[in-house]
Amino acid sequence: MKYPLILTALLAGSFFVANAQQTGKPEDTETWQPEPKEVVPAKVQGGAPSDAIVLFDGKNQDEWVSVADQTPASWTVKGGILTVDKTKGNIETKRKFTNYQLHIEWRVPASIDGTGQARGNSGIFLASLGKGDAGYELQVLDSYKNKTYVNGMAGSLYKQAIPLANPCLKPGEWNVYDVVWTAPVFNEDGTVKTPAKATVFFNGVIVENSYELQGPTQYIGKASYEGKKHGAAPIKLQAHGDKSEPLSFRNIWVREL
């Protein structure tokens, strides 16, 4: 049988590729450098991984300042727990971050009351852009059998991304967020080159899978990057003005990526 010219060429090419693979060495595709640094994981040593920046270890608020005036943060620290003081306003980290891995645990009181957004409301702003609630918010809320709009429940990127599941524990139990944050990159003219991304695990369940944010959080209107060019930014915790009992945080650490 005579093969068409193109088919003959393809068969010949396949033969030479296969032959090259057979005559190569395993070492040809081995990479030895750079070696990843050794990190002692949190579950081995307790607390945080060995290369993490500990933002709250239960002792003090030395890593935090008031968003309003940059004075030392003055929420309540007791029994290894950081509790929101709604009269003192939002707090944010002294340090600024770009891309990072964040671990943070939060709990609403067992005696929490209120409904919807007025029930243990707070937020973790993955990049704070100044006073008020400017930035990119990962919602904190009692979402255990508490109905509200789904892009505003716990695990949502507020008003943008609905969580893929609702693994929220009942009031009085500690919830855990593990976040991978990729900051947006801007062009010289202020337009966005690559948008921010967030991956969020909520009590070990993925609820945001490399979600691309449309811009910083907006309470009213659509999110946009227009006029929002920024660089490295602090991480902010919200003192929400709802009337329910204040919630608490513990074991907060970050690993820069």
Protein backbone atom coordinates (compact mmCIF):
# COMPACT_ATOMS: atom_id res chain seq x y z
CA MET A 1 0.00 0.00 0.00
CA LYS A 2 1.29 3.45 -0.86
CA TYR A 3 0.86 6.08 1.88
CA PRO A 4 0.12 9.70 0.98
CA LEU A 5 3.18 11.94 1.27
CA ILE A 6 1.91 13.83 4.38
CA LEU A 7 1.06 10.63 6.25
CA THR A 8 4.46 9.18 5.42
CA ALA A 9 6.15 12.30 6.85
CA LEU A 10 4.08 12.09 10.04
CA LEU A 11 4.94 8.45 10.54
CA ALA A 12 8.61 9.18 10.01
CA GLY A 13 8.48 12.06 12.51
CA SER A 14 6.82 9.85 15.11
CA PHE A 15 9.53 7.23 14.63
CA PHE A 16 12.34 9.74 15.23
CA VAL A 17 10.60 11.22 18.35
CA ALA A 18 10.08 7.74 19.80
CA ASN A 19 13.67 6.82 19.00
CA ALA A 20 14.98 9.99 20.69
CA GLN A 21 12.94 9.22 23.80
CA GLN A 22 14.35 5.69 23.93
CA THR A 23 17.94 6.89 23.60
CA GLY A 24 17.61 9.75 26.15
CA LYS A 25 18.47 9.46 29.85
CA PRO A 26 16.17 9.90 32.86
CA GLU A 27 18.62 12.53 34.13
CA ASP A 28 17.84 14.73 31.11
CA THR A 29 14.54 15.79 32.71
CA GLU A 30 15.61 15.93 36.37
CA THR A 31 15.71 19.37 38.02
CA TRP A 32 17.89 19.75 41.12
CA GLN A 33 17.98 23.51 41.71
CA PRO A 34 16.70 25.62 43.33
CA GLU A 35 15.83 23.45 46.31
CA PRO A 36 12.59 24.39 48.12
CA LYS A 37 13.26 25.71 51.62
CA GLU A 38 12.39 23.46 54.52
CA VAL A 39 9.30 24.57 56.46
CA VAL A 40 8.03 23.01 59.67
CA PRO A 41 4.22 22.80 59.28
CA ALA A 42 1.84 24.17 61.87
CA LYS A 43 0.42 20.80 62.91
CA VAL A 44 3.91 19.60 63.86
CA GLN A 45 5.04 22.55 65.94
CA GLY A 46 1.67 24.10 66.81
CA GLY A 47 0.57 27.63 66.04
CA ALA A 48 1.97 28.59 62.64
CA PRO A 49 4.45 27.22 60.06
CA SER A 50 8.07 28.03 60.80
CA ASP A 51 8.33 30.64 58.01
CA ALA A 52 5.06 32.42 58.78
CA ILE A 53 4.60 35.97 60.05
CA VAL A 54 2.42 35.62 63.13
CA LEU A 55 -0.14 38.43 63.14
CA PHE A 56 -1.92 37.34 66.32
CA ASP A 57 -0.71 34.63 68.70
CA GLY A 58 -3.11 35.36 71.54
CA LYS A 59 -0.86 37.74 73.45
CA ASN A 60 -1.09 41.23 71.99
CA GLN A 61 -2.02 43.43 69.02
CA ASP A 62 1.51 44.58 68.24
CA GLU A 63 1.09 43.78 64.52
CA TRP A 64 -2.08 45.88 64.21
CA VAL A 65 -3.12 49.53 64.06
CA SER A 66 -6.38 51.45 63.89
CA VAL A 67 -7.38 52.15 60.29
CA ALA A 68 -8.78 55.55 61.24
CA ASP A 69 -5.61 57.15 62.61
CA GLN A 70 -2.87 54.47 62.54
CA THR A 71 -2.60 54.42 66.34
CA PRO A 72 -2.03 51.04 68.06
CA ALA A 73 -5.02 48.72 67.74
CA SER A 74 -7.15 48.51 70.89
CA TRP A 75 -9.65 45.72 70.48
CA THR A 76 -9.99 43.28 73.39
CA VAL A 77 -7.42 40.55 74.02
CA LYS A 78 -8.34 37.95 76.64
CA GLY A 79 -7.65 34.25 77.01
CA GLY A 80 -5.69 34.12 73.76
CA ILE A 81 -8.60 35.57 71.79
CA LEU A 82 -8.96 38.88 69.92
CA THR A 83 -12.51 40.25 70.16
CA VAL A 84 -13.90 43.06 68.02
CA ASP A 85 -14.55 46.36 69.78
CA LYS A 86 -17.12 48.05 67.57
CA THR A 87 -16.52 51.42 69.21
CA LYS A 88 -12.87 51.40 68.09
CA GLY A 89 -13.43 50.81 64.37
CA ASN A 90 -11.53 48.67 61.88
CA ILE A 91 -7.96 47.52 62.42
CA GLU A 92 -5.30 46.58 59.88
CA THR A 93 -1.79 45.16 59.84
CA LYS A 94 1.22 47.44 60.16
CA ARG A 95 2.87 45.43 57.40
CA LYS A 96 1.85 45.51 53.77
CA PHE A 97 1.59 42.41 51.63
CA THR A 98 1.30 41.50 47.97
CA ASN A 99 0.79 37.76 47.37
CA TYR A 100 0.35 35.54 50.40
CA GLN A 101 -1.19 32.56 52.19
CA LEU A 102 -3.38 33.56 55.15
CA HIS A 103 -4.72 31.49 58.04
CA ILE A 104 -7.33 32.99 60.35
CA GLU A 105 -9.87 31.51 62.77
CA TRP A 106 -13.11 33.22 63.82
CA ARG A 107 -16.07 32.55 66.09
CA VAL A 108 -19.42 34.19 66.72
CA PRO A 109 -20.77 33.94 70.28
CA ALA A 110 -22.95 30.94 71.11
CA SER A 111 -25.58 33.43 72.31
CA ILE A 112 -25.61 35.40 69.03
CA ASP A 113 -28.92 36.98 68.04
CA GLY A 114 -30.14 38.88 65.00
CA THR A 115 -30.81 37.63 61.48
CA GLY A 116 -29.32 37.95 58.02
CA GLN A 117 -26.49 40.46 57.79
CA ALA A 118 -27.13 41.58 61.38
CA ARG A 119 -25.77 38.37 62.88
CA GLY A 120 -22.06 38.20 63.63
CA ASN A 121 -21.07 40.38 60.71
CA SER A 122 -17.42 41.21 60.03
CA GLY A 123 -15.00 41.01 57.14
CA ILE A 124 -11.43 40.20 56.29
CA PHE A 125 -10.14 42.67 53.72
CA LEU A 126 -7.46 40.80 51.83
CA ALA A 127 -6.00 44.12 50.70
CA SER A 128 -7.01 47.22 52.63
CA LEU A 129 -7.25 50.43 50.62
CA GLY A 130 -7.67 52.88 53.45
CA LYS A 131 -10.37 54.13 55.79
CA GLY A 132 -13.80 52.62 56.04
CA ASP A 133 -14.48 49.42 54.17
CA ALA A 134 -12.30 50.09 51.14
CA GLY A 135 -10.56 46.98 49.85
CA TYR A 136 -11.31 43.39 48.87
CA GLU A 137 -13.59 41.73 51.41
CA LEU A 138 -13.89 38.09 52.35
CA GLN A 139 -17.15 38.00 54.30
CA VAL A 140 -17.39 36.83 57.90
CA LEU A 141 -20.91 36.11 59.12
CA ASP A 142 -22.90 33.54 61.03
CA SER A 143 -24.18 31.51 58.07
CA TYR A 144 -25.29 28.50 60.10
CA LYS A 145 -29.00 28.24 59.28
CA ASN A 146 -29.09 32.02 58.82
CA LYS A 147 -30.57 33.06 55.47
CA THR A 148 -29.19 36.07 53.60
CA TYR A 149 -28.19 36.97 50.05
CA VAL A 150 -25.74 34.32 48.88
CA ASN A 151 -23.03 36.71 47.66
CA GLY A 152 -22.97 38.12 51.19
CA MET A 153 -22.83 34.93 53.26
CA ALA A 154 -19.75 33.55 55.02
CA GLY A 155 -17.14 32.48 52.50
CA SER A 156 -18.28 34.91 49.84
CA LEU A 157 -16.06 37.53 48.26
CA TYR A 158 -18.57 40.15 49.23
CA LYS A 159 -21.05 41.11 46.49
CA GLN A 160 -18.93 39.28 43.88
CA ALA A 161 -18.43 35.54 44.41
CA ILE A 162 -20.96 33.11 45.86
CA PRO A 163 -19.25 30.39 47.94
CA LEU A 164 -19.22 26.92 46.38
CA ALA A 165 -20.51 25.40 49.63
CA ASN A 166 -21.64 26.39 53.12
CA PRO A 167 -19.53 24.56 55.73
CA CYS A 168 -20.19 27.14 58.48
CA LEU A 169 -20.24 25.74 62.01
CA LYS A 170 -22.87 26.65 64.56
CA PRO A 171 -22.40 29.66 66.85
CA GLY A 172 -19.84 29.13 69.58
CA GLU A 173 -17.59 26.93 67.42
CA TRP A 174 -14.40 28.09 65.70
CA ASN A 175 -14.44 28.48 61.93
CA VAL A 176 -11.22 28.46 59.89
CA TYR A 177 -10.32 30.33 56.71
CA ASP A 178 -7.23 29.45 54.69
CA VAL A 179 -6.72 31.88 51.83
CA VAL A 180 -4.35 32.18 48.89
CA TRP A 181 -4.34 35.80 47.72
CA THR A 182 -2.85 37.01 44.46
CA ALA A 183 -2.77 40.79 44.26
CA PRO A 184 -3.81 42.62 41.10
CA VAL A 185 -1.15 43.99 38.78
CA PHE A 186 -1.66 47.36 37.10
CA ASN A 187 -0.28 48.95 33.96
CA GLU A 188 1.48 52.31 34.14
CA ASP A 189 -1.69 54.11 33.02
CA GLY A 190 -3.66 52.62 35.92
CA THR A 191 -5.56 50.01 33.95
CA VAL A 192 -5.56 46.51 35.35
CA LYS A 193 -3.07 44.11 33.76
CA THR A 194 -4.04 41.02 35.76
CA PRO A 195 -6.95 40.99 38.22
CA ALA A 196 -6.77 39.92 41.84
CA LYS A 197 -7.44 36.25 42.56
CA ALA A 198 -8.53 34.48 45.72
CA THR A 199 -8.72 30.82 46.66
CA VAL A 200 -10.51 30.21 49.96
CA PHE A 201 -10.82 27.06 52.07
CA PHE A 202 -13.53 27.30 54.73
CA ASN A 203 -13.19 24.65 57.44
CA GLY A 204 -11.17 22.60 54.96
CA VAL A 205 -13.76 22.92 52.17
CA ILE A 206 -12.89 24.96 49.08
CA VAL A 207 -15.46 27.73 48.65
CA GLU A 208 -13.62 30.07 46.23
CA ASN A 209 -11.50 28.46 43.52
CA SER A 210 -8.97 30.96 42.11
CA TYR A 211 -11.76 33.47 41.64
CA GLU A 212 -10.86 36.60 39.65
CA LEU A 213 -12.23 39.69 41.37
CA GLN A 214 -13.74 42.46 39.25
CA GLY A 215 -12.24 45.10 41.53
CA PRO A 216 -12.32 46.20 45.17
CA THR A 217 -15.53 45.50 47.09
CA GLN A 218 -18.49 47.83 46.57
CA TYR A 219 -21.50 47.83 48.89
CA ILE A 220 -23.56 49.63 46.25
CA GLY A 221 -22.89 49.18 42.55
CA LYS A 222 -20.51 47.02 40.55
CA ALA A 223 -16.88 46.47 41.48
CA SER A 224 -14.29 48.04 39.19
CA TYR A 225 -10.54 48.64 39.10
CA GLU A 226 -10.98 52.05 37.48
CA GLY A 227 -9.10 54.65 39.51
CA LYS A 228 -8.05 52.01 42.07
CA LYS A 229 -4.42 51.39 41.15
CA HIS A 230 -2.43 50.27 44.21
CA GLY A 231 0.54 48.24 45.33
CA ALA A 232 1.20 46.21 48.46
CA ALA A 233 -1.50 46.68 51.09
CA PRO A 234 -2.33 45.77 54.70
CA ILE A 235 -4.81 43.09 55.75
CA LYS A 236 -7.83 44.61 57.50
CA LEU A 237 -10.37 43.26 60.01
CA GLN A 238 -13.78 44.90 60.11
CA ALA A 239 -15.66 46.22 63.12
CA HIS A 240 -19.12 46.02 61.56
CA GLY A 241 -21.87 48.24 62.92
CA ASP A 242 -24.55 45.57 63.32
CA LYS A 243 -26.16 45.28 66.75
CA SER A 244 -25.30 41.64 67.48
CA GLU A 245 -22.63 40.57 69.94
CA PRO A 246 -19.08 41.05 68.63
CA LEU A 247 -17.23 38.09 67.22
CA SER A 248 -13.65 36.99 67.91
CA PHE A 249 -10.48 35.94 66.06
CA ARG A 250 -7.46 33.81 66.94
CA ASN A 251 -4.37 32.15 65.42
CA ILE A 252 -3.75 34.59 62.57
CA TRP A 253 -0.66 34.12 60.43
CA VAL A 254 0.51 34.86 56.91
CA ARG A 255 3.15 33.44 54.58
CA GLU A 256 4.39 35.74 51.85
CA LEU A 257 4.52 34.10 48.43
